[in-house]
Amino acid sequence: MDAKLLKGKPVAEAVYTRVSKQIGFLKEQGVFPKLSVILVGEDPASQVYVRRKGKACEKLGILSETIVLPADSSEQALVTKIEALNSDPKNHGILVQLPLPGHIDEDKIIRTVSPQKDVDCFHPQNVGLLVSGNPYMLPCTPAGIVEMLRFYKIETESKHVVVVGRSNIVGKPMLNLLLQKNKSANATVTIVHSRTKEISAHIRRADIVIAAIGQPNFIKKEQLKKGSVVIDVGINRMDADNEKGYTLVGDVDFDQVYETVSYITPVPGGVGPMTIAMLMQNTVTAAAVQNKILLLEE
């Protein structure tokens, strides 16, 4: 079974090896990359994600700070904290953990983060740079998927890729990344979503399917072309009779489609590790750009 699995861990480790060399180079220049993460409230899933980011920073030698604000903090209090981090030259990356409490305008908060310190690549300026083909920062999960495809030598050039889902975090930036003019892109990309008619017909034409629709086991065997590559971004919690009381499944019915595909990412253990790996890369890239230092790719 392993021969078909596109596991994220070895790819993430390759990214960490590259990033570690870049961090060492920056430190020689007197620059110590730092990431600040802001968590508003006590959402358990968000707390887990924030801890993982902190551990990754510690492993690599990136300075990190986690700022926890009460769930009832005002929007202005959050804006003030972000503006302080924007103006701090020793802080290079800012990540506001989403979702935010309902009384806070997420769009306003995203726009408040300095584009140069926007390591999530959510700011409209960074989105625009990506669309125009001149990205400064790359969106973490889509960039991680591109790294995976490159690592496993899966060509995208001239291939038909179908992205299932149109979120601002995965679907839309994934579309734009794969349209870039380089060997790790140059794909023909179709994006489908909940309002697409005959969605299965579109998916069935794909050489590569990237599933990010947030519906457990949504994609079935009969929707896929034989020999296609499947990247499953979905992480859905399902009730199960085990110690935890739940199991994690993707947006693709893994057991059903396994014999049909040539490669597939497992859930968990596929795309997941790549998101944090690319966040680390973005933090180091931001530190270099802010200090006008050119980084080597390898």
C-alpha atoms as a PDB file:
ATOM      1  CA  MET A   1       0.000   0.000   0.000  1.00  0.00           C
ATOM      2  CA  ASP A   2       2.792   2.468   0.871  1.00  0.00           C
ATOM      3  CA  ALA A   3       3.956   2.721  -2.747  1.00  0.00           C
ATOM      4  CA  LYS A   4       0.861   4.766  -3.574  1.00  0.00           C
ATOM      5  CA  LEU A   5       0.901   6.976  -0.501  1.00  0.00           C
ATOM      6  CA  LEU A   6       2.087  10.578  -0.703  1.00  0.00           C
ATOM      7  CA  LYS A   7       3.118  11.149   2.903  1.00  0.00           C
ATOM      8  CA  GLY A   8       3.724  14.663   4.131  1.00  0.00           C
ATOM      9  CA  LYS A   9       6.360  13.992   6.791  1.00  0.00           C
ATOM     10  CA  PRO A  10       9.370  13.320   4.499  1.00  0.00           C
ATOM     11  CA  VAL A  11       8.476  16.356   2.387  1.00  0.00           C
ATOM     12  CA  ALA A  12       8.147  18.555   5.482  1.00  0.00           C
ATOM     13  CA  GLU A  13      11.541  17.318   6.717  1.00  0.00           C
ATOM     14  CA  ALA A  14      13.099  18.291   3.382  1.00  0.00           C
ATOM     15  CA  VAL A  15      11.597  21.783   3.757  1.00  0.00           C
ATOM     16  CA  TYR A  16      12.921  21.999   7.334  1.00  0.00           C
ATOM     17  CA  THR A  17      16.410  21.051   6.150  1.00  0.00           C
ATOM     18  CA  ARG A  18      16.348  23.905   3.637  1.00  0.00           C
ATOM     19  CA  VAL A  19      14.859  26.346   6.142  1.00  0.00           C
ATOM     20  CA  SER A  20      17.429  25.435   8.797  1.00  0.00           C
ATOM     21  CA  LYS A  21      20.252  26.379   6.432  1.00  0.00           C
ATOM     22  CA  GLN A  22      18.515  29.666   5.650  1.00  0.00           C
ATOM     23  CA  ILE A  23      18.049  30.419   9.356  1.00  0.00           C
ATOM     24  CA  GLY A  24      21.738  29.753   9.982  1.00  0.00           C
ATOM     25  CA  PHE A  25      22.646  32.144   7.166  1.00  0.00           C
ATOM     26  CA  LEU A  26      20.341  34.863   8.515  1.00  0.00           C
ATOM     27  CA  LYS A  27      21.742  34.523  12.029  1.00  0.00           C
ATOM     28  CA  GLU A  28      25.236  35.024  10.621  1.00  0.00           C
ATOM     29  CA  GLN A  29      23.932  38.376   9.332  1.00  0.00           C
ATOM     30  CA  GLY A  30      22.531  39.236  12.772  1.00  0.00           C
ATOM     31  CA  VAL A  31      18.912  38.498  11.859  1.00  0.00           C
ATOM     32  CA  PHE A  32      16.918  36.186  14.137  1.00  0.00           C
ATOM     33  CA  PRO A  33      13.600  35.212  12.512  1.00  0.00           C
ATOM     34  CA  LYS A  34      10.589  35.652  14.790  1.00  0.00           C
ATOM     35  CA  LEU A  35       6.950  34.606  14.447  1.00  0.00           C
ATOM     36  CA  SER A  36       4.170  36.038  16.598  1.00  0.00           C
ATOM     37  CA  VAL A  37       0.878  34.139  16.821  1.00  0.00           C
ATOM     38  CA  ILE A  38      -2.254  35.744  18.240  1.00  0.00           C
ATOM     39  CA  LEU A  39      -4.994  33.520  19.647  1.00  0.00           C
ATOM     40  CA  VAL A  40      -8.300  35.092  20.671  1.00  0.00           C
ATOM     41  CA  GLY A  41     -10.368  32.876  22.965  1.00  0.00           C
ATOM     42  CA  GLU A  42      -9.982  29.236  23.936  1.00  0.00           C
ATOM     43  CA  ASP A  43     -11.088  27.240  20.903  1.00  0.00           C
ATOM     44  CA  PRO A  44      -9.579  23.744  21.503  1.00  0.00           C
ATOM     45  CA  ALA A  45      -8.689  23.086  17.852  1.00  0.00           C
ATOM     46  CA  SER A  46      -7.039  26.501  17.555  1.00  0.00           C
ATOM     47  CA  GLN A  47      -5.042  25.847  20.721  1.00  0.00           C
ATOM     48  CA  VAL A  48      -3.722  22.600  19.212  1.00  0.00           C
ATOM     49  CA  TYR A  49      -2.700  24.324  15.974  1.00  0.00           C
ATOM     50  CA  VAL A  50      -0.952  27.125  17.861  1.00  0.00           C
ATOM     51  CA  ARG A  51       1.010  24.657  20.014  1.00  0.00           C
ATOM     52  CA  ARG A  52       2.154  22.785  16.893  1.00  0.00           C
ATOM     53  CA  LYS A  53       3.387  26.014  15.342  1.00  0.00           C
ATOM     54  CA  GLY A  54       5.294  26.852  18.505  1.00  0.00           C
ATOM     55  CA  LYS A  55       6.956  23.430  18.558  1.00  0.00           C
ATOM     56  CA  ALA A  56       8.002  23.772  14.910  1.00  0.00           C
ATOM     57  CA  CYS A  57       9.579  27.154  15.662  1.00  0.00           C
ATOM     58  CA  GLU A  58      11.437  25.704  18.646  1.00  0.00           C
ATOM     59  CA  LYS A  59      12.730  22.788  16.570  1.00  0.00           C
ATOM     60  CA  LEU A  60      14.150  25.092  13.906  1.00  0.00           C
ATOM     61  CA  GLY A  61      15.440  27.873  16.111  1.00  0.00           C
ATOM     62  CA  ILE A  62      12.848  30.443  15.086  1.00  0.00           C
ATOM     63  CA  LEU A  63      11.905  32.815  17.875  1.00  0.00           C
ATOM     64  CA  SER A  64       8.210  32.574  18.649  1.00  0.00           C
ATOM     65  CA  GLU A  65       5.674  34.388  20.769  1.00  0.00           C
ATOM     66  CA  THR A  66       2.108  33.333  21.447  1.00  0.00           C
ATOM     67  CA  ILE A  67      -0.226  36.128  22.495  1.00  0.00           C
ATOM     68  CA  VAL A  68      -3.493  34.925  24.018  1.00  0.00           C
ATOM     69  CA  LEU A  69      -6.360  37.394  24.284  1.00  0.00           C
ATOM     70  CA  PRO A  70      -9.688  36.728  26.055  1.00  0.00           C
ATOM     71  CA  ALA A  71     -12.611  35.734  23.822  1.00  0.00           C
ATOM     72  CA  ASP A  72     -14.435  38.956  24.740  1.00  0.00           C
ATOM     73  CA  SER A  73     -11.532  41.194  23.700  1.00  0.00           C
ATOM     74  CA  SER A  74     -12.641  44.141  21.599  1.00  0.00           C
ATOM     75  CA  GLU A  75     -11.813  44.389  17.918  1.00  0.00           C
ATOM     76  CA  GLN A  76      -9.814  47.543  18.660  1.00  0.00           C
ATOM     77  CA  ALA A  77      -7.715  45.715  21.276  1.00  0.00           C
ATOM     78  CA  LEU A  78      -6.744  43.148  18.647  1.00  0.00           C
ATOM     79  CA  VAL A  79      -6.023  45.844  16.061  1.00  0.00           C
ATOM     80  CA  THR A  80      -3.788  47.674  18.560  1.00  0.00           C
ATOM     81  CA  LYS A  81      -1.822  44.497  19.289  1.00  0.00           C
ATOM     82  CA  ILE A  82      -1.317  43.793  15.567  1.00  0.00           C
ATOM     83  CA  GLU A  83      -0.202  47.366  14.893  1.00  0.00           C
ATOM     84  CA  ALA A  84       2.400  47.079  17.661  1.00  0.00           C
ATOM     85  CA  LEU A  85       3.771  43.914  16.039  1.00  0.00           C
ATOM     86  CA  ASN A  86       3.709  45.571  12.601  1.00  0.00           C
ATOM     87  CA  SER A  87       6.015  48.327  13.880  1.00  0.00           C
ATOM     88  CA  ASP A  88       8.420  46.016  15.736  1.00  0.00           C
ATOM     89  CA  PRO A  89      11.472  45.397  13.503  1.00  0.00           C
ATOM     90  CA  LYS A  90      12.454  42.338  15.546  1.00  0.00           C
ATOM     91  CA  ASN A  91       9.159  40.660  14.710  1.00  0.00           C
ATOM     92  CA  HIS A  92       9.008  39.284  11.162  1.00  0.00           C
ATOM     93  CA  GLY A  93       5.812  37.243  10.918  1.00  0.00           C
ATOM     94  CA  ILE A  94       2.298  37.726  12.285  1.00  0.00           C
ATOM     95  CA  LEU A  95      -0.352  35.040  12.295  1.00  0.00           C
ATOM     96  CA  VAL A  96      -3.823  35.669  13.716  1.00  0.00           C
ATOM     97  CA  GLN A  97      -5.350  32.270  14.373  1.00  0.00           C
ATOM     98  CA  LEU A  98      -8.756  31.875  12.729  1.00  0.00           C
ATOM     99  CA  PRO A  99     -11.653  31.632  13.308  1.00  0.00           C
ATOM    100  CA  LEU A 100     -12.110  34.745  15.416  1.00  0.00           C
ATOM    101  CA  PRO A 101     -15.051  35.395  17.782  1.00  0.00           C
ATOM    102  CA  GLY A 102     -18.163  36.565  15.945  1.00  0.00           C
ATOM    103  CA  HIS A 103     -17.975  40.184  17.119  1.00  0.00           C
ATOM    104  CA  ILE A 104     -14.625  40.706  15.354  1.00  0.00           C
ATOM    105  CA  ASP A 105     -14.476  41.478  11.625  1.00  0.00           C
ATOM    106  CA  GLU A 106     -12.021  38.930  10.167  1.00  0.00           C
ATOM    107  CA  ASP A 107     -11.568  40.896   6.929  1.00  0.00           C
ATOM    108  CA  LYS A 108     -10.568  44.015   8.872  1.00  0.00           C
ATOM    109  CA  ILE A 109      -8.066  42.021  10.944  1.00  0.00           C
ATOM    110  CA  ILE A 110      -6.548  40.409   7.837  1.00  0.00           C
ATOM    111  CA  ARG A 111      -6.091  43.875   6.307  1.00  0.00           C
ATOM    112  CA  THR A 112      -4.505  45.205   9.513  1.00  0.00           C
ATOM    113  CA  VAL A 113      -1.583  42.770   9.360  1.00  0.00           C
ATOM    114  CA  SER A 114       1.320  44.284   7.406  1.00  0.00           C
ATOM    115  CA  PRO A 115       1.601  42.575   3.988  1.00  0.00           C
ATOM    116  CA  GLN A 116       5.337  42.083   4.626  1.00  0.00           C
ATOM    117  CA  LYS A 117       4.561  40.189   7.834  1.00  0.00           C
ATOM    118  CA  ASP A 118       1.511  38.317   6.532  1.00  0.00           C
ATOM    119  CA  VAL A 119       2.885  34.767   6.741  1.00  0.00           C
ATOM    120  CA  ASP A 120      -0.552  33.282   5.997  1.00  0.00           C
ATOM    121  CA  CYS A 121      -0.717  35.150   2.667  1.00  0.00           C
ATOM    122  CA  PHE A 122      -4.263  36.359   3.391  1.00  0.00           C
ATOM    123  CA  HIS A 123      -3.759  40.105   2.902  1.00  0.00           C
ATOM    124  CA  PRO A 124      -5.373  41.406  -0.322  1.00  0.00           C
ATOM    125  CA  GLN A 125      -2.010  42.797  -1.455  1.00  0.00           C
ATOM    126  CA  ASN A 126      -0.370  39.377  -1.218  1.00  0.00           C
ATOM    127  CA  VAL A 127      -3.348  37.719  -2.895  1.00  0.00           C
ATOM    128  CA  GLY A 128      -3.053  40.235  -5.727  1.00  0.00           C
ATOM    129  CA  LEU A 129       0.673  39.568  -6.125  1.00  0.00           C
ATOM    130  CA  LEU A 130      -0.049  35.844  -6.387  1.00  0.00           C
ATOM    131  CA  VAL A 131      -2.732  36.384  -9.022  1.00  0.00           C
ATOM    132  CA  SER A 132      -0.404  38.637 -11.044  1.00  0.00           C
ATOM    133  CA  GLY A 133       2.346  36.016 -10.993  1.00  0.00           C
ATOM    134  CA  ASN A 134       4.739  37.941  -8.724  1.00  0.00           C
ATOM    135  CA  PRO A 135       4.115  36.483  -5.249  1.00  0.00           C
ATOM    136  CA  TYR A 136       6.065  37.715  -2.237  1.00  0.00           C
ATOM    137  CA  MET A 137       4.557  35.193   0.165  1.00  0.00           C
ATOM    138  CA  LEU A 138       2.908  31.882  -0.762  1.00  0.00           C
ATOM    139  CA  PRO A 139      -0.286  30.547   0.870  1.00  0.00           C
ATOM    140  CA  CYS A 140       0.831  27.777   3.220  1.00  0.00           C
ATOM    141  CA  THR A 141      -1.387  24.798   2.379  1.00  0.00           C
ATOM    142  CA  PRO A 142      -1.407  25.287  -1.424  1.00  0.00           C
ATOM    143  CA  ALA A 143       2.361  25.892  -1.422  1.00  0.00           C
ATOM    144  CA  GLY A 144       2.775  22.734   0.640  1.00  0.00           C
ATOM    145  CA  ILE A 145       0.830  20.765  -1.965  1.00  0.00           C
ATOM    146  CA  VAL A 146       3.103  22.081  -4.726  1.00  0.00           C
ATOM    147  CA  GLU A 147       6.122  21.017  -2.632  1.00  0.00           C
ATOM    148  CA  MET A 148       4.631  17.531  -2.281  1.00  0.00           C
ATOM    149  CA  LEU A 149       4.028  17.148  -6.006  1.00  0.00           C
ATOM    150  CA  ARG A 150       7.570  18.319  -6.737  1.00  0.00           C
ATOM    151  CA  PHE A 151       9.081  16.012  -4.078  1.00  0.00           C
ATOM    152  CA  TYR A 152       7.283  12.936  -5.452  1.00  0.00           C
ATOM    153  CA  LYS A 153       8.101  13.955  -9.051  1.00  0.00           C
ATOM    154  CA  ILE A 154       4.461  14.271 -10.084  1.00  0.00           C
ATOM    155  CA  GLU A 155       4.332  16.595 -13.072  1.00  0.00           C
ATOM    156  CA  THR A 156       1.717  19.324 -13.276  1.00  0.00           C
ATOM    157  CA  GLU A 157       2.867  20.898 -16.542  1.00  0.00           C
ATOM    158  CA  SER A 158       0.166  20.420 -19.215  1.00  0.00           C
ATOM    159  CA  LYS A 159      -1.879  18.279 -16.806  1.00  0.00           C
ATOM    160  CA  HIS A 160      -5.538  18.864 -16.050  1.00  0.00           C
ATOM    161  CA  VAL A 161      -6.019  19.611 -12.364  1.00  0.00           C
ATOM    162  CA  VAL A 162      -9.455  19.815 -10.776  1.00  0.00           C
ATOM    163  CA  VAL A 163      -9.658  21.674  -7.468  1.00  0.00           C
ATOM    164  CA  VAL A 164     -12.755  20.763  -5.469  1.00  0.00           C
ATOM    165  CA  GLY A 165     -13.623  23.739  -3.262  1.00  0.00           C
ATOM    166  CA  ARG A 166     -13.262  27.515  -3.625  1.00  0.00           C
ATOM    167  CA  SER A 167     -12.186  28.737  -0.186  1.00  0.00           C
ATOM    168  CA  ASN A 168      -9.810  31.673   0.216  1.00  0.00           C
ATOM    169  CA  ILE A 169      -7.445  29.426   2.188  1.00  0.00           C
ATOM    170  CA  VAL A 170      -7.064  26.503  -0.247  1.00  0.00           C
ATOM    171  CA  GLY A 171      -9.247  26.483  -3.366  1.00  0.00           C
ATOM    172  CA  LYS A 172      -8.688  29.934  -4.870  1.00  0.00           C
ATOM    173  CA  PRO A 173      -4.953  30.231  -4.080  1.00  0.00           C
ATOM    174  CA  MET A 174      -4.400  26.650  -5.264  1.00  0.00           C
ATOM    175  CA  LEU A 175      -5.902  27.604  -8.609  1.00  0.00           C
ATOM    176  CA  ASN A 176      -3.583  30.601  -8.914  1.00  0.00           C
ATOM    177  CA  LEU A 177      -0.460  28.715  -7.842  1.00  0.00           C
ATOM    178  CA  LEU A 178      -0.978  26.012 -10.444  1.00  0.00           C
ATOM    179  CA  LEU A 179      -1.470  28.639 -13.161  1.00  0.00           C
ATOM    180  CA  GLN A 180       1.978  30.159 -12.550  1.00  0.00           C
ATOM    181  CA  LYS A 181       4.492  30.058 -15.396  1.00  0.00           C
ATOM    182  CA  ASN A 182       6.975  27.546 -13.996  1.00  0.00           C
ATOM    183  CA  LYS A 183       7.674  23.816 -14.180  1.00  0.00           C
ATOM    184  CA  SER A 184       5.962  23.154 -10.848  1.00  0.00           C
ATOM    185  CA  ALA A 185       2.748  24.637 -12.261  1.00  0.00           C
ATOM    186  CA  ASN A 186       1.804  25.317 -15.899  1.00  0.00           C
ATOM    187  CA  ALA A 187      -1.357  23.269 -15.370  1.00  0.00           C
ATOM    188  CA  THR A 188      -4.809  23.569 -16.879  1.00  0.00           C
ATOM    189  CA  VAL A 189      -6.992  24.119 -13.836  1.00  0.00           C
ATOM    190  CA  THR A 190     -10.717  23.677 -13.284  1.00  0.00           C
ATOM    191  CA  ILE A 191     -12.272  24.690  -9.979  1.00  0.00           C
ATOM    192  CA  VAL A 192     -15.577  23.123  -8.912  1.00  0.00           C
ATOM    193  CA  HIS A 193     -17.745  23.798  -5.880  1.00  0.00           C
ATOM    194  CA  SER A 194     -21.164  23.324  -4.307  1.00  0.00           C
ATOM    195  CA  ARG A 195     -22.948  25.170  -7.130  1.00  0.00           C
ATOM    196  CA  THR A 196     -21.194  23.389 -10.005  1.00  0.00           C
ATOM    197  CA  LYS A 197     -23.520  21.376 -12.237  1.00  0.00           C
ATOM    198  CA  GLU A 198     -22.440  17.802 -13.022  1.00  0.00           C
ATOM    199  CA  ILE A 199     -19.505  18.081 -10.632  1.00  0.00           C
ATOM    200  CA  SER A 200     -18.617  14.387 -11.080  1.00  0.00           C
ATOM    201  CA  ALA A 201     -18.124  14.822 -14.829  1.00  0.00           C
ATOM    202  CA  HIS A 202     -15.527  17.535 -14.205  1.00  0.00           C
ATOM    203  CA  ILE A 203     -13.674  15.511 -11.569  1.00  0.00           C
ATOM    204  CA  ARG A 204     -13.618  12.442 -13.825  1.00  0.00           C
ATOM    205  CA  ARG A 205     -11.589  14.337 -16.453  1.00  0.00           C
ATOM    206  CA  ALA A 206      -8.820  15.246 -14.015  1.00  0.00           C
ATOM    207  CA  ASP A 207      -5.266  13.952 -14.055  1.00  0.00           C
ATOM    208  CA  ILE A 208      -4.858  15.398 -10.552  1.00  0.00           C
ATOM    209  CA  VAL A 209      -7.686  16.004  -8.077  1.00  0.00           C
ATOM    210  CA  ILE A 210      -7.198  18.342  -5.108  1.00  0.00           C
ATOM    211  CA  ALA A 211     -10.094  17.864  -2.699  1.00  0.00           C
ATOM    212  CA  ALA A 212     -10.777  20.691  -0.248  1.00  0.00           C
ATOM    213  CA  ILE A 213     -14.543  20.837   0.077  1.00  0.00           C
ATOM    214  CA  GLY A 214     -14.925  19.941   3.754  1.00  0.00           C
ATOM    215  CA  GLN A 215     -17.323  17.017   3.288  1.00  0.00           C
ATOM    216  CA  PRO A 216     -16.278  13.601   4.583  1.00  0.00           C
ATOM    217  CA  ASN A 217     -15.813  10.885   1.942  1.00  0.00           C
ATOM    218  CA  PHE A 218     -17.377  13.133  -0.707  1.00  0.00           C
ATOM    219  CA  ILE A 219     -15.361  11.827  -3.673  1.00  0.00           C
ATOM    220  CA  LYS A 220     -16.028   8.217  -4.666  1.00  0.00           C
ATOM    221  CA  LYS A 221     -14.365   5.716  -6.979  1.00  0.00           C
ATOM    222  CA  GLU A 222     -16.758   6.280  -9.865  1.00  0.00           C
ATOM    223  CA  GLN A 223     -15.899  10.005  -9.932  1.00  0.00           C
ATOM    224  CA  LEU A 224     -12.198   9.433 -10.645  1.00  0.00           C
ATOM    225  CA  LYS A 225     -10.277   8.630 -13.800  1.00  0.00           C
ATOM    226  CA  LYS A 226      -8.188   5.472 -13.459  1.00  0.00           C
ATOM    227  CA  GLY A 227      -4.586   6.324 -12.626  1.00  0.00           C
ATOM    228  CA  SER A 228      -5.331   9.821 -11.401  1.00  0.00           C
ATOM    229  CA  VAL A 229      -3.461  11.480  -8.520  1.00  0.00           C
ATOM    230  CA  VAL A 230      -5.510  12.522  -5.481  1.00  0.00           C
ATOM    231  CA  ILE A 231      -4.474  15.177  -2.967  1.00  0.00           C
ATOM    232  CA  ASP A 232      -6.919  15.128  -0.063  1.00  0.00           C
ATOM    233  CA  VAL A 233      -6.848  18.329   1.999  1.00  0.00           C
ATOM    234  CA  GLY A 234      -9.962  17.493   4.016  1.00  0.00           C
ATOM    235  CA  ILE A 235      -9.793  16.669   7.728  1.00  0.00           C
ATOM    236  CA  ASN A 236     -13.215  15.669   9.046  1.00  0.00           C
ATOM    237  CA  ARG A 237     -13.921  14.281  12.495  1.00  0.00           C
ATOM    238  CA  MET A 238     -16.303  11.303  12.496  1.00  0.00           C
ATOM    239  CA  ASP A 239     -17.746   9.476  15.499  1.00  0.00           C
ATOM    240  CA  ALA A 240     -16.062   6.100  16.048  1.00  0.00           C
ATOM    241  CA  ASP A 241     -16.039   3.280  18.563  1.00  0.00           C
ATOM    242  CA  ASN A 242     -12.465   3.735  19.791  1.00  0.00           C
ATOM    243  CA  GLU A 243     -10.550   5.295  22.669  1.00  0.00           C
ATOM    244  CA  LYS A 244     -10.820   8.805  21.285  1.00  0.00           C
ATOM    245  CA  GLY A 245     -14.442   8.424  20.288  1.00  0.00           C
ATOM    246  CA  TYR A 246     -13.725   9.716  16.799  1.00  0.00           C
ATOM    247  CA  THR A 247     -11.668   9.106  13.680  1.00  0.00           C
ATOM    248  CA  LEU A 248     -10.321  11.521  11.068  1.00  0.00           C
ATOM    249  CA  VAL A 249     -11.276  11.085   7.427  1.00  0.00           C
ATOM    250  CA  GLY A 250     -10.665  13.152   4.315  1.00  0.00           C
ATOM    251  CA  ASP A 251     -12.933  14.500   1.609  1.00  0.00           C
ATOM    252  CA  VAL A 252     -12.118  11.406  -0.459  1.00  0.00           C
ATOM    253  CA  ASP A 253     -13.392   7.905   0.340  1.00  0.00           C
ATOM    254  CA  PHE A 254      -9.860   6.504   0.722  1.00  0.00           C
ATOM    255  CA  ASP A 255     -10.666   2.793   0.981  1.00  0.00           C
ATOM    256  CA  GLN A 256     -13.020   2.898  -1.982  1.00  0.00           C
ATOM    257  CA  VAL A 257     -10.786   4.842  -4.374  1.00  0.00           C
ATOM    258  CA  TYR A 258      -7.418   3.330  -3.456  1.00  0.00           C
ATOM    259  CA  GLU A 259      -7.314   0.739  -6.257  1.00  0.00           C
ATOM    260  CA  THR A 260      -8.327   3.321  -8.874  1.00  0.00           C
ATOM    261  CA  VAL A 261      -5.686   5.988  -8.235  1.00  0.00           C
ATOM    262  CA  SER A 262      -1.952   5.996  -8.930  1.00  0.00           C
ATOM    263  CA  TYR A 263      -1.105   8.141  -5.883  1.00  0.00           C
ATOM    264  CA  ILE A 264      -3.083   9.475  -2.938  1.00  0.00           C
ATOM    265  CA  THR A 265      -2.398  11.397   0.268  1.00  0.00           C
ATOM    266  CA  PRO A 266      -3.484   9.715   3.508  1.00  0.00           C
ATOM    267  CA  VAL A 267      -5.601  11.472   6.137  1.00  0.00           C
ATOM    268  CA  PRO A 268      -4.079  12.154   8.566  1.00  0.00           C
ATOM    269  CA  GLY A 269      -0.393  12.246   7.584  1.00  0.00           C
ATOM    270  CA  GLY A 270      -0.679  13.704   4.100  1.00  0.00           C
ATOM    271  CA  VAL A 271      -1.078  17.422   3.481  1.00  0.00           C
ATOM    272  CA  GLY A 272      -1.285  18.339   7.184  1.00  0.00           C
ATOM    273  CA  PRO A 273       2.453  18.476   8.000  1.00  0.00           C
ATOM    274  CA  MET A 274       3.073  20.672   4.964  1.00  0.00           C
ATOM    275  CA  THR A 275       1.006  23.629   6.171  1.00  0.00           C
ATOM    276  CA  ILE A 276       3.227  24.264   9.188  1.00  0.00           C
ATOM    277  CA  ALA A 277       6.400  23.553   7.187  1.00  0.00           C
ATOM    278  CA  MET A 278       5.489  26.262   4.683  1.00  0.00           C
ATOM    279  CA  LEU A 279       4.568  28.640   7.515  1.00  0.00           C
ATOM    280  CA  MET A 280       8.133  28.246   8.771  1.00  0.00           C
ATOM    281  CA  GLN A 281       9.431  28.943   5.253  1.00  0.00           C
ATOM    282  CA  ASN A 282       7.278  32.071   4.997  1.00  0.00           C
ATOM    283  CA  THR A 283       8.546  33.358   8.346  1.00  0.00           C
ATOM    284  CA  VAL A 284      12.165  32.978   7.238  1.00  0.00           C
ATOM    285  CA  THR A 285      11.417  34.516   3.833  1.00  0.00           C
ATOM    286  CA  ALA A 286       9.753  37.480   5.555  1.00  0.00           C
ATOM    287  CA  ALA A 287      12.764  37.980   7.850  1.00  0.00           C
ATOM    288  CA  ALA A 288      15.096  37.980   4.850  1.00  0.00           C
ATOM    289  CA  VAL A 289      13.023  40.386   2.748  1.00  0.00           C
ATOM    290  CA  GLN A 290      12.514  42.819   5.622  1.00  0.00           C
ATOM    291  CA  ASN A 291      16.290  42.937   6.120  1.00  0.00           C
ATOM    292  CA  LYS A 292      17.079  43.052   2.374  1.00  0.00           C
ATOM    293  CA  ILE A 293      18.933  39.735   2.454  1.00  0.00           C
ATOM    294  CA  LEU A 294      18.860  37.345  -0.511  1.00  0.00           C
ATOM    295  CA  LEU A 295      18.274  33.727   0.526  1.00  0.00           C
ATOM    296  CA  LEU A 296      19.611  30.716  -1.304  1.00  0.00           C
ATOM    297  CA  GLU A 297      16.902  28.238  -2.310  1.00  0.00           C
ATOM    298  CA  GLU A 298      18.907  25.217  -1.151  1.00  0.00           C
END
